[in-house]
C-alpha atoms as a PDB file:
ATOM      1  CA  UNK A   1     117.073  24.603 130.272  1.00  0.00           C
ATOM      2  CA  UNK A   2     118.799  24.624 133.418  1.00  0.00           C
ATOM      3  CA  UNK A   3     117.894  26.190 136.812  1.00  0.00           C
ATOM      4  CA  UNK A   4     119.607  29.479 137.782  1.00  0.00           C
ATOM      5  CA  UNK A   5     119.835  28.507 141.289  1.00  0.00           C
ATOM      6  CA  UNK A   6     119.700  25.595 143.910  1.00  0.00           C
ATOM      7  CA  UNK A   7     116.301  26.926 145.145  1.00  0.00           C
ATOM      8  CA  UNK A   8     114.799  27.198 141.550  1.00  0.00           C
ATOM      9  CA  UNK A   9     115.928  23.661 140.947  1.00  0.00           C
ATOM     10  CA  UNK A  10     114.169  22.503 144.133  1.00  0.00           C
ATOM     11  CA  UNK A  11     110.995  24.475 143.183  1.00  0.00           C
ATOM     12  CA  UNK A  12     111.209  22.867 139.848  1.00  0.00           C
ATOM     13  CA  UNK A  13     111.432  19.409 141.390  1.00  0.00           C
ATOM     14  CA  UNK A  14     108.648  19.992 143.609  1.00  0.00           C
ATOM     15  CA  UNK A  15     106.458  21.395 140.991  1.00  0.00           C
ATOM     16  CA  UNK A  16     107.128  18.330 138.908  1.00  0.00           C
ATOM     17  CA  UNK A  17     106.379  15.946 141.771  1.00  0.00           C
ATOM     18  CA  UNK A  18     103.048  17.628 142.244  1.00  0.00           C
ATOM     19  CA  UNK A  19     102.284  17.101 138.473  1.00  0.00           C
ATOM     20  CA  UNK A  20     102.564  20.833 137.678  1.00  0.00           C
ATOM     21  CA  UNK A  21     104.663  21.674 134.626  1.00  0.00           C
ATOM     22  CA  UNK A  22     107.416  23.984 135.914  1.00  0.00           C
ATOM     23  CA  UNK A  23     107.068  26.474 132.898  1.00  0.00           C
ATOM     24  CA  UNK A  24     103.262  26.551 133.519  1.00  0.00           C
ATOM     25  CA  UNK A  25     103.317  29.432 135.945  1.00  0.00           C
ATOM     26  CA  UNK A  26     106.357  31.733 135.341  1.00  0.00           C
ATOM     27  CA  UNK A  27     107.154  33.050 139.007  1.00  0.00           C
ATOM     28  CA  UNK A  28     108.971  36.091 137.552  1.00  0.00           C
ATOM     29  CA  UNK A  29     106.016  37.125 135.433  1.00  0.00           C
ATOM     30  CA  UNK A  30     103.533  36.318 138.228  1.00  0.00           C
ATOM     31  CA  UNK A  31     105.371  38.860 140.632  1.00  0.00           C
ATOM     32  CA  UNK A  32     105.614  41.465 137.734  1.00  0.00           C
ATOM     33  CA  UNK A  33     101.995  41.079 137.222  1.00  0.00           C
ATOM     34  CA  UNK A  34     101.481  41.239 141.098  1.00  0.00           C
ATOM     35  CA  UNK A  35     103.438  44.742 140.837  1.00  0.00           C
ATOM     36  CA  UNK A  36     101.399  45.901 137.863  1.00  0.00           C
ATOM     37  CA  UNK A  37      98.147  45.236 139.863  1.00  0.00           C
ATOM     38  CA  UNK A  38      99.681  47.216 142.697  1.00  0.00           C
ATOM     39  CA  UNK A  39     100.107  50.074 140.374  1.00  0.00           C
ATOM     40  CA  UNK A  40      96.722  49.808 139.117  1.00  0.00           C
ATOM     41  CA  UNK A  41      95.454  50.112 142.902  1.00  0.00           C
ATOM     42  CA  UNK A  42      97.660  53.234 143.144  1.00  0.00           C
ATOM     43  CA  UNK A  43      96.199  54.526 140.294  1.00  0.00           C
ATOM     44  CA  UNK A  44      92.517  53.821 141.339  1.00  0.00           C
ATOM     45  CA  UNK A  45      93.230  55.461 144.651  1.00  0.00           C
ATOM     46  CA  UNK A  46      94.731  58.442 143.027  1.00  0.00           C
ATOM     47  CA  UNK A  47      92.112  58.990 140.338  1.00  0.00           C
ATOM     48  CA  UNK A  48      89.141  57.329 142.108  1.00  0.00           C
ATOM     49  CA  UNK A  49      86.381  60.091 141.043  1.00  0.00           C
ATOM     50  CA  UNK A  50      87.846  60.550 137.492  1.00  0.00           C
ATOM     51  CA  UNK A  51      87.493  56.552 136.845  1.00  0.00           C
ATOM     52  CA  UNK A  52      84.175  56.531 138.527  1.00  0.00           C
ATOM     53  CA  UNK A  53      82.804  59.311 136.175  1.00  0.00           C
ATOM     54  CA  UNK A  54      84.052  57.927 133.062  1.00  0.00           C
ATOM     55  CA  UNK A  55      81.300  57.212 130.245  1.00  0.00           C
ATOM     56  CA  UNK A  56      79.793  53.536 130.944  1.00  0.00           C
ATOM     57  CA  UNK A  57      81.314  51.936 128.042  1.00  0.00           C
ATOM     58  CA  UNK A  58      84.678  53.224 128.968  1.00  0.00           C
ATOM     59  CA  UNK A  59      84.253  52.381 132.440  1.00  0.00           C
ATOM     60  CA  UNK A  60      82.830  48.675 131.928  1.00  0.00           C
ATOM     61  CA  UNK A  61      85.930  48.032 129.676  1.00  0.00           C
ATOM     62  CA  UNK A  62      88.303  49.054 132.161  1.00  0.00           C
ATOM     63  CA  UNK A  63      86.682  47.232 134.957  1.00  0.00           C
ATOM     64  CA  UNK A  64      86.385  44.019 132.982  1.00  0.00           C
ATOM     65  CA  UNK A  65      90.309  44.232 132.206  1.00  0.00           C
ATOM     66  CA  UNK A  66      91.015  44.971 136.140  1.00  0.00           C
ATOM     67  CA  UNK A  67      88.717  41.838 136.981  1.00  0.00           C
ATOM     68  CA  UNK A  68      90.480  39.509 134.382  1.00  0.00           C
ATOM     69  CA  UNK A  69      93.862  40.672 135.617  1.00  0.00           C
ATOM     70  CA  UNK A  70      92.626  40.119 139.520  1.00  0.00           C
ATOM     71  CA  UNK A  71      91.195  36.672 138.714  1.00  0.00           C
ATOM     72  CA  UNK A  72      94.470  35.817 136.802  1.00  0.00           C
ATOM     73  CA  UNK A  73      96.647  36.710 139.707  1.00  0.00           C
ATOM     74  CA  UNK A  74      94.357  34.810 142.005  1.00  0.00           C
ATOM     75  CA  UNK A  75      94.469  31.651 139.928  1.00  0.00           C
ATOM     76  CA  UNK A  76      98.070  31.564 139.630  1.00  0.00           C
ATOM     77  CA  UNK A  77      98.724  32.383 143.198  1.00  0.00           C
ATOM     78  CA  UNK A  78      96.361  29.397 144.202  1.00  0.00           C
ATOM     79  CA  UNK A  79      98.496  27.109 141.874  1.00  0.00           C
ATOM     80  CA  UNK A  80     101.705  28.341 143.288  1.00  0.00           C
ATOM     81  CA  UNK A  81     100.534  27.934 146.889  1.00  0.00           C
ATOM     82  CA  UNK A  82      99.071  24.483 146.184  1.00  0.00           C
ATOM     83  CA  UNK A  83     102.689  23.633 144.542  1.00  0.00           C
ATOM     84  CA  UNK A  84     104.349  24.952 147.643  1.00  0.00           C
ATOM     85  CA  UNK A  85     106.080  27.508 145.423  1.00  0.00           C
ATOM     86  CA  UNK A  86     104.501  30.661 147.032  1.00  0.00           C
ATOM     87  CA  UNK A  87     106.293  31.762 150.379  1.00  0.00           C
ATOM     88  CA  UNK A  88     103.779  32.672 153.154  1.00  0.00           C
ATOM     89  CA  UNK A  89     104.706  36.335 153.230  1.00  0.00           C
ATOM     90  CA  UNK A  90     104.127  36.723 149.566  1.00  0.00           C
ATOM     91  CA  UNK A  91     100.986  34.697 149.770  1.00  0.00           C
ATOM     92  CA  UNK A  92      99.699  37.233 152.462  1.00  0.00           C
ATOM     93  CA  UNK A  93     100.918  39.978 150.353  1.00  0.00           C
ATOM     94  CA  UNK A  94      98.981  38.777 147.453  1.00  0.00           C
ATOM     95  CA  UNK A  95      95.898  38.167 149.390  1.00  0.00           C
ATOM     96  CA  UNK A  96      95.807  41.577 150.765  1.00  0.00           C
ATOM     97  CA  UNK A  97      96.257  43.230 147.400  1.00  0.00           C
ATOM     98  CA  UNK A  98      93.415  41.132 145.977  1.00  0.00           C
ATOM     99  CA  UNK A  99      91.265  41.984 148.850  1.00  0.00           C
ATOM    100  CA  UNK A 100      91.832  45.635 148.677  1.00  0.00           C
ATOM    101  CA  UNK A 101      91.336  45.675 144.887  1.00  0.00           C
ATOM    102  CA  UNK A 102      88.028  43.799 145.162  1.00  0.00           C
ATOM    103  CA  UNK A 103      86.784  46.508 147.745  1.00  0.00           C
ATOM    104  CA  UNK A 104      87.958  49.381 145.650  1.00  0.00           C
ATOM    105  CA  UNK A 105      86.095  47.833 142.763  1.00  0.00           C
ATOM    106  CA  UNK A 106      82.933  47.664 144.719  1.00  0.00           C
ATOM    107  CA  UNK A 107      83.378  51.154 145.702  1.00  0.00           C
ATOM    108  CA  UNK A 108      84.067  52.393 142.170  1.00  0.00           C
ATOM    109  CA  UNK A 109      80.900  50.530 141.055  1.00  0.00           C
ATOM    110  CA  UNK A 110      78.929  52.455 143.721  1.00  0.00           C
ATOM    111  CA  UNK A 111      80.546  55.615 142.842  1.00  0.00           C
ATOM    112  CA  UNK A 112      80.035  54.976 139.028  1.00  0.00           C
ATOM    113  CA  UNK A 113      76.439  54.263 139.446  1.00  0.00           C
ATOM    114  CA  UNK A 114      75.883  57.665 141.421  1.00  0.00           C
ATOM    115  CA  UNK A 115      77.692  59.214 138.592  1.00  0.00           C
ATOM    116  CA  UNK A 116      75.520  57.616 135.838  1.00  0.00           C
ATOM    117  CA  UNK A 117      72.158  58.701 137.880  1.00  0.00           C
ATOM    118  CA  UNK A 118      73.515  62.233 137.985  1.00  0.00           C
ATOM    119  CA  UNK A 119      74.035  62.190 134.136  1.00  0.00           C
ATOM    120  CA  UNK A 120      70.689  60.730 133.462  1.00  0.00           C
ATOM    121  CA  UNK A 121      68.849  63.532 135.618  1.00  0.00           C
ATOM    122  CA  UNK A 122      70.808  66.239 133.906  1.00  0.00           C
ATOM    123  CA  UNK A 123      69.799  64.883 130.377  1.00  0.00           C
ATOM    124  CA  UNK A 124      66.268  64.228 131.448  1.00  0.00           C
ATOM    125  CA  UNK A 125      65.722  67.106 133.293  1.00  0.00           C
ATOM    126  CA  UNK A 126      64.153  67.867 137.034  1.00  0.00           C
ATOM    127  CA  UNK A 127      61.842  65.041 138.368  1.00  0.00           C
ATOM    128  CA  UNK A 128      57.984  65.803 137.669  1.00  0.00           C
ATOM    129  CA  UNK A 129      56.894  64.805 141.144  1.00  0.00           C
ATOM    130  CA  UNK A 130      54.855  67.102 143.074  1.00  0.00           C
ATOM    131  CA  UNK A 131      53.635  69.108 140.268  1.00  0.00           C
ATOM    132  CA  UNK A 132      49.913  69.474 140.106  1.00  0.00           C
ATOM    133  CA  UNK A 133      48.008  70.397 136.992  1.00  0.00           C
ATOM    134  CA  UNK A 134      45.104  72.952 136.727  1.00  0.00           C
ATOM    135  CA  UNK A 135      41.963  71.383 135.674  1.00  0.00           C
ATOM    136  CA  UNK A 136      39.293  73.810 134.274  1.00  0.00           C
END
């Protein structure tokens, strides 16, 4: 399969020289996945409380999926950067996106824990602290 442009051909040659198979990381797919992660961040920002208030099983499944995607982007960005195939401005953009997403996940975890605690209090009733029984 031939290269589409001289730049792609040079990147292919550089990746081969570094021992990385050219088709190992599809740059177009990588950038599409970065955009999908940006969309996920926008959804988190837009629906923060609704996401945090989800039942635990649904929240954990969504969280796992997000973390898997985040790690995949980080791994592929590292490989592209090591091969010299990731421009500095794109590298900074990906690093910023991953950093913000990690912070949002931590914030969501904290909020989810508070929602979970509230649900448990509603289910179990008020705390029994401070009640003194009468002894006869």
